[in-house]
Amino acid sequence: MNAVIDSAYRMGWMLVMFDLPVLTREERKAATDFRKKLLDDGYHMVQFSVYARACVDRDRLDKHAARIKSFCPEAGNVRVLFLTDRQWERGLCITGPNYNQGNRARNLSMPEQIEFW
């Protein structure tokens, strides 16, 4: 396999999806703290409970997964997936013409400094 094709499968996206309880004040604070920690760790909000971040390789994925485990709320249900860059590019985002994106990421692409590697 040549380096261009090979690199498309080494680099990818870490996708974090979660359901967190928000019925009590403490649960809302825990959910807010979790989202803030994801943002501080370089994730971008794709949807309200779906965040993504670029990862160079499996070692980085493991590092970030361990970090998520360390700050996941006790009552949290968090799922972490890894998509190759090629799989991410082939995904579809379908929104209605009047849908307000707010501060959610629109078209995430691999950061330039990662493409260099």
N, C-alpha and C. Protein backbone atom coordinates (compact mmCIF):
# COMPACT_ATOMS: atom_id res chain seq x y z
N MET A 1 0.84 -1.18 0.00
CA MET A 1 0.00 0.00 0.00
C MET A 1 0.89 1.24 0.00
N ASN A 2 0.55 2.22 -0.81
CA ASN A 2 1.41 3.41 -0.83
C ASN A 2 1.12 4.31 0.36
N ALA A 3 2.01 5.25 0.62
CA ALA A 3 1.94 6.10 1.83
C ALA A 3 0.69 6.96 1.86
N VAL A 4 0.22 7.43 0.71
CA VAL A 4 -0.97 8.29 0.69
C VAL A 4 -2.20 7.50 1.15
N ILE A 5 -2.38 6.31 0.61
CA ILE A 5 -3.53 5.50 1.00
C ILE A 5 -3.38 5.07 2.45
N ASP A 6 -2.18 4.63 2.82
CA ASP A 6 -1.92 4.17 4.18
C ASP A 6 -2.21 5.27 5.19
N SER A 7 -1.82 6.51 4.91
CA SER A 7 -2.02 7.60 5.87
C SER A 7 -3.49 7.90 6.08
N ALA A 8 -4.33 7.64 5.08
CA ALA A 8 -5.77 7.89 5.22
C ALA A 8 -6.38 6.97 6.25
N TYR A 9 -5.75 5.84 6.52
CA TYR A 9 -6.28 4.90 7.49
C TYR A 9 -5.60 4.99 8.85
N ARG A 10 -4.48 5.67 8.94
CA ARG A 10 -3.81 5.86 10.23
C ARG A 10 -4.41 7.05 10.96
N MET A 11 -4.63 8.14 10.27
CA MET A 11 -5.20 9.33 10.89
C MET A 11 -6.71 9.21 10.89
N GLY A 12 -7.31 9.85 11.86
CA GLY A 12 -8.76 9.77 11.88
C GLY A 12 -9.37 10.67 12.93
N TRP A 13 -10.59 10.35 13.27
CA TRP A 13 -11.40 11.17 14.15
C TRP A 13 -11.91 10.35 15.32
N MET A 14 -11.79 10.92 16.48
CA MET A 14 -12.35 10.32 17.68
C MET A 14 -13.71 10.96 17.87
N LEU A 15 -14.74 10.14 17.92
CA LEU A 15 -16.10 10.61 18.05
C LEU A 15 -16.61 10.21 19.43
N VAL A 16 -17.04 11.19 20.22
CA VAL A 16 -17.54 10.95 21.57
C VAL A 16 -19.02 11.30 21.60
N MET A 17 -19.83 10.31 21.95
CA MET A 17 -21.28 10.49 22.03
C MET A 17 -21.70 10.15 23.45
N PHE A 18 -22.62 10.92 24.01
CA PHE A 18 -22.95 10.67 25.41
C PHE A 18 -24.38 11.05 25.75
N ASP A 19 -24.88 10.36 26.77
CA ASP A 19 -26.15 10.69 27.43
C ASP A 19 -25.80 10.90 28.89
N LEU A 20 -26.06 12.07 29.38
CA LEU A 20 -25.78 12.39 30.78
C LEU A 20 -27.06 12.89 31.44
N PRO A 21 -27.34 12.42 32.66
CA PRO A 21 -28.55 12.91 33.34
C PRO A 21 -28.40 14.39 33.70
N VAL A 22 -29.51 15.12 33.63
CA VAL A 22 -29.48 16.55 33.94
C VAL A 22 -30.71 16.96 34.76
N LEU A 23 -31.20 16.04 35.58
CA LEU A 23 -32.41 16.31 36.35
C LEU A 23 -32.14 17.15 37.60
N THR A 24 -30.98 16.96 38.21
CA THR A 24 -30.67 17.72 39.42
C THR A 24 -29.60 18.76 39.11
N ARG A 25 -29.44 19.68 40.03
CA ARG A 25 -28.41 20.72 39.86
C ARG A 25 -27.01 20.10 39.74
N GLU A 26 -26.74 19.08 40.57
CA GLU A 26 -25.44 18.42 40.55
C GLU A 26 -25.20 17.70 39.23
N GLU A 27 -26.25 17.06 38.70
CA GLU A 27 -26.12 16.36 37.40
C GLU A 27 -25.87 17.36 36.27
N ARG A 28 -26.57 18.49 36.29
CA ARG A 28 -26.36 19.51 35.25
C ARG A 28 -24.94 20.05 35.31
N LYS A 29 -24.43 20.26 36.53
CA LYS A 29 -23.06 20.74 36.69
C LYS A 29 -22.06 19.71 36.17
N ALA A 30 -22.29 18.43 36.49
CA ALA A 30 -21.39 17.37 36.02
C ALA A 30 -21.41 17.28 34.49
N ALA A 31 -22.59 17.42 33.89
CA ALA A 31 -22.70 17.36 32.42
C ALA A 31 -22.00 18.56 31.79
N THR A 32 -22.19 19.73 32.36
CA THR A 32 -21.53 20.94 31.85
C THR A 32 -20.02 20.83 31.99
N ASP A 33 -19.55 20.35 33.13
CA ASP A 33 -18.10 20.17 33.33
C ASP A 33 -17.53 19.18 32.33
N PHE A 34 -18.26 18.10 32.04
CA PHE A 34 -17.80 17.10 31.07
C PHE A 34 -17.64 17.74 29.69
N ARG A 35 -18.65 18.50 29.26
CA ARG A 35 -18.58 19.16 27.94
C ARG A 35 -17.42 20.15 27.89
N LYS A 36 -17.23 20.92 28.96
CA LYS A 36 -16.13 21.89 29.00
C LYS A 36 -14.78 21.18 28.91
N LYS A 37 -14.65 20.05 29.58
CA LYS A 37 -13.38 19.31 29.52
C LYS A 37 -13.13 18.77 28.11
N LEU A 38 -14.19 18.34 27.42
CA LEU A 38 -14.02 17.91 26.04
C LEU A 38 -13.52 19.07 25.18
N LEU A 39 -14.14 20.23 25.33
CA LEU A 39 -13.72 21.40 24.55
C LEU A 39 -12.28 21.79 24.89
N ASP A 40 -11.92 21.76 26.17
CA ASP A 40 -10.55 22.09 26.59
C ASP A 40 -9.54 21.10 26.03
N ASP A 41 -9.99 19.87 25.74
CA ASP A 41 -9.10 18.83 25.23
C ASP A 41 -9.06 18.81 23.70
N GLY A 42 -9.65 19.81 23.07
CA GLY A 42 -9.53 19.93 21.61
C GLY A 42 -10.68 19.35 20.81
N TYR A 43 -11.77 19.00 21.45
CA TYR A 43 -12.92 18.47 20.73
C TYR A 43 -13.76 19.62 20.19
N HIS A 44 -14.53 19.32 19.15
CA HIS A 44 -15.47 20.27 18.56
C HIS A 44 -16.86 19.67 18.68
N MET A 45 -17.83 20.51 19.06
CA MET A 45 -19.20 20.03 19.17
C MET A 45 -19.77 19.84 17.76
N VAL A 46 -20.17 18.61 17.45
CA VAL A 46 -20.79 18.29 16.16
C VAL A 46 -22.31 18.38 16.30
N GLN A 47 -22.83 17.85 17.40
CA GLN A 47 -24.23 17.96 17.78
C GLN A 47 -24.24 18.13 19.29
N PHE A 48 -25.40 18.31 19.89
CA PHE A 48 -25.46 18.62 21.31
C PHE A 48 -24.70 17.62 22.19
N SER A 49 -24.80 16.35 21.92
CA SER A 49 -24.10 15.35 22.72
C SER A 49 -23.13 14.52 21.89
N VAL A 50 -22.60 15.12 20.84
CA VAL A 50 -21.63 14.45 19.96
C VAL A 50 -20.47 15.41 19.72
N TYR A 51 -19.28 14.97 20.08
CA TYR A 51 -18.08 15.79 19.93
C TYR A 51 -17.05 15.00 19.14
N ALA A 52 -16.19 15.69 18.40
CA ALA A 52 -15.17 15.02 17.60
C ALA A 52 -13.85 15.75 17.73
N ARG A 53 -12.77 14.98 17.55
CA ARG A 53 -11.43 15.56 17.56
C ARG A 53 -10.57 14.72 16.63
N ALA A 54 -9.65 15.40 15.96
CA ALA A 54 -8.71 14.70 15.08
C ALA A 54 -7.69 13.95 15.93
N CYS A 55 -7.33 12.76 15.46
CA CYS A 55 -6.30 11.95 16.13
C CYS A 55 -5.31 11.47 15.07
N VAL A 56 -4.05 11.57 15.37
CA VAL A 56 -3.01 11.19 14.42
C VAL A 56 -2.87 9.67 14.32
N ASP A 57 -3.01 8.97 15.44
CA ASP A 57 -2.79 7.53 15.42
C ASP A 57 -3.48 6.87 16.60
N ARG A 58 -3.35 5.56 16.69
CA ARG A 58 -4.00 4.78 17.74
C ARG A 58 -3.49 5.15 19.14
N ASP A 59 -2.20 5.48 19.25
CA ASP A 59 -1.67 5.88 20.55
C ASP A 59 -2.37 7.12 21.09
N ARG A 60 -2.60 8.11 20.22
CA ARG A 60 -3.32 9.32 20.65
C ARG A 60 -4.76 8.99 21.03
N LEU A 61 -5.38 8.10 20.26
CA LEU A 61 -6.74 7.68 20.56
C LEU A 61 -6.80 7.08 21.96
N ASP A 62 -5.86 6.18 22.26
CA ASP A 62 -5.83 5.55 23.58
C ASP A 62 -5.60 6.58 24.68
N LYS A 63 -4.73 7.55 24.42
CA LYS A 63 -4.45 8.60 25.40
C LYS A 63 -5.70 9.42 25.70
N HIS A 64 -6.42 9.82 24.65
CA HIS A 64 -7.62 10.64 24.84
C HIS A 64 -8.76 9.82 25.43
N ALA A 65 -8.86 8.54 25.08
CA ALA A 65 -9.89 7.69 25.67
C ALA A 65 -9.66 7.54 27.17
N ALA A 66 -8.41 7.37 27.58
CA ALA A 66 -8.10 7.29 29.01
C ALA A 66 -8.44 8.59 29.72
N ARG A 67 -8.19 9.70 29.06
CA ARG A 67 -8.52 11.00 29.65
C ARG A 67 -10.03 11.14 29.84
N ILE A 68 -10.81 10.70 28.84
CA ILE A 68 -12.27 10.77 28.96
C ILE A 68 -12.74 9.90 30.13
N LYS A 69 -12.17 8.71 30.25
CA LYS A 69 -12.54 7.84 31.38
C LYS A 69 -12.28 8.53 32.71
N SER A 70 -11.22 9.32 32.76
CA SER A 70 -10.86 9.95 34.03
C SER A 70 -11.82 11.06 34.45
N PHE A 71 -12.52 11.68 33.49
CA PHE A 71 -13.44 12.76 33.88
C PHE A 71 -14.90 12.50 33.50
N CYS A 72 -15.23 11.27 33.15
CA CYS A 72 -16.62 10.92 32.84
C CYS A 72 -17.45 10.93 34.12
N PRO A 73 -18.61 11.59 34.11
CA PRO A 73 -19.46 11.59 35.30
C PRO A 73 -19.88 10.17 35.68
N GLU A 74 -20.08 9.94 36.97
CA GLU A 74 -20.44 8.60 37.45
C GLU A 74 -21.71 8.07 36.81
N ALA A 75 -22.66 8.94 36.56
CA ALA A 75 -23.93 8.50 35.97
C ALA A 75 -23.91 8.62 34.45
N GLY A 76 -22.74 8.80 33.87
CA GLY A 76 -22.65 9.02 32.43
C GLY A 76 -22.69 7.76 31.61
N ASN A 77 -23.18 7.88 30.40
CA ASN A 77 -23.15 6.83 29.40
C ASN A 77 -22.43 7.43 28.20
N VAL A 78 -21.17 7.05 28.02
CA VAL A 78 -20.32 7.66 26.99
C VAL A 78 -19.84 6.59 26.03
N ARG A 79 -19.95 6.85 24.74
CA ARG A 79 -19.46 5.93 23.71
C ARG A 79 -18.40 6.66 22.90
N VAL A 80 -17.28 5.99 22.67
CA VAL A 80 -16.17 6.57 21.92
C VAL A 80 -15.93 5.69 20.68
N LEU A 81 -15.93 6.31 19.51
CA LEU A 81 -15.65 5.61 18.26
C LEU A 81 -14.46 6.25 17.58
N PHE A 82 -13.74 5.47 16.80
CA PHE A 82 -12.67 6.02 15.98
C PHE A 82 -13.02 5.79 14.52
N LEU A 83 -13.05 6.87 13.76
CA LEU A 83 -13.31 6.80 12.32
C LEU A 83 -12.05 7.23 11.58
N THR A 84 -11.71 6.50 10.55
CA THR A 84 -10.58 6.94 9.75
C THR A 84 -10.94 8.26 9.06
N ASP A 85 -9.95 8.98 8.63
CA ASP A 85 -10.21 10.23 7.92
C ASP A 85 -11.07 9.97 6.69
N ARG A 86 -10.82 8.88 6.02
CA ARG A 86 -11.59 8.54 4.82
C ARG A 86 -13.06 8.27 5.18
N GLN A 87 -13.30 7.54 6.26
CA GLN A 87 -14.68 7.29 6.68
C GLN A 87 -15.37 8.60 7.06
N TRP A 88 -14.67 9.47 7.77
CA TRP A 88 -15.23 10.77 8.17
C TRP A 88 -15.63 11.58 6.94
N GLU A 89 -14.76 11.63 5.95
CA GLU A 89 -15.03 12.41 4.73
C GLU A 89 -16.24 11.88 3.98
N ARG A 90 -16.50 10.59 4.07
CA ARG A 90 -17.61 9.99 3.33
C ARG A 90 -18.95 10.13 4.06
N GLY A 91 -18.92 10.64 5.30
CA GLY A 91 -20.15 10.82 6.05
C GLY A 91 -21.01 11.93 5.48
N LEU A 92 -22.27 11.90 5.81
CA LEU A 92 -23.21 12.92 5.34
C LEU A 92 -23.70 13.74 6.52
N CYS A 93 -23.92 15.00 6.28
CA CYS A 93 -24.54 15.87 7.26
C CYS A 93 -25.73 16.53 6.56
N ILE A 94 -26.92 16.14 6.96
CA ILE A 94 -28.12 16.63 6.31
C ILE A 94 -28.87 17.52 7.30
N THR A 95 -29.03 18.78 6.95
CA THR A 95 -29.77 19.70 7.81
C THR A 95 -30.81 20.44 6.99
N GLY A 96 -31.88 20.80 7.66
CA GLY A 96 -32.93 21.55 6.99
C GLY A 96 -32.46 22.98 6.71
N PRO A 97 -33.06 23.65 5.76
CA PRO A 97 -32.63 25.00 5.37
C PRO A 97 -32.78 26.04 6.48
N ASN A 98 -33.66 25.78 7.45
CA ASN A 98 -33.88 26.74 8.53
C ASN A 98 -33.25 26.31 9.85
N TYR A 99 -32.40 25.29 9.81
CA TYR A 99 -31.77 24.78 11.04
C TYR A 99 -30.64 25.70 11.46
N ASN A 100 -30.68 26.16 12.70
CA ASN A 100 -29.65 27.05 13.22
C ASN A 100 -28.52 26.22 13.81
N GLN A 101 -27.34 26.25 13.19
CA GLN A 101 -26.19 25.49 13.65
C GLN A 101 -25.66 25.98 14.99
N GLY A 102 -25.91 27.21 15.35
CA GLY A 102 -25.38 27.75 16.59
C GLY A 102 -23.86 27.67 16.58
N ASN A 103 -23.27 27.17 17.67
CA ASN A 103 -21.81 27.10 17.74
C ASN A 103 -21.28 25.70 17.46
N ARG A 104 -22.08 24.87 16.77
CA ARG A 104 -21.62 23.53 16.41
C ARG A 104 -20.72 23.60 15.19
N ALA A 105 -19.77 22.69 15.14
CA ALA A 105 -18.84 22.63 14.01
C ALA A 105 -19.61 22.26 12.74
N ARG A 106 -19.29 22.90 11.65
CA ARG A 106 -19.99 22.61 10.39
C ARG A 106 -19.26 21.59 9.55
N ASN A 107 -18.10 21.93 9.07
CA ASN A 107 -17.34 21.03 8.21
C ASN A 107 -15.96 20.82 8.79
N LEU A 108 -15.86 19.88 9.71
CA LEU A 108 -14.56 19.61 10.32
C LEU A 108 -13.66 18.93 9.31
N SER A 109 -12.43 19.41 9.22
CA SER A 109 -11.44 18.76 8.38
C SER A 109 -10.17 18.59 9.20
N MET A 110 -9.33 17.68 8.76
CA MET A 110 -8.10 17.39 9.48
C MET A 110 -7.29 18.68 9.59
N PRO A 111 -6.87 19.06 10.80
CA PRO A 111 -6.05 20.27 10.96
C PRO A 111 -4.77 20.19 10.13
N GLU A 112 -4.34 21.32 9.59
CA GLU A 112 -3.16 21.34 8.71
C GLU A 112 -1.91 20.78 9.36
N GLN A 113 -1.69 21.08 10.64
CA GLN A 113 -0.48 20.59 11.28
C GLN A 113 -0.48 19.07 11.37
N ILE A 114 -1.65 18.45 11.43
CA ILE A 114 -1.72 16.98 11.44
C ILE A 114 -1.51 16.44 10.04
N GLU A 115 -2.04 17.12 9.01
CA GLU A 115 -1.85 16.67 7.64
C GLU A 115 -0.39 16.59 7.29
N PHE A 116 0.41 17.46 7.89
CA PHE A 116 1.84 17.47 7.62
C PHE A 116 2.49 16.16 7.98
N TRP A 117 2.04 15.54 9.07
CA TRP A 117 2.64 14.29 9.54
C TRP A 117 2.26 13.16 8.61
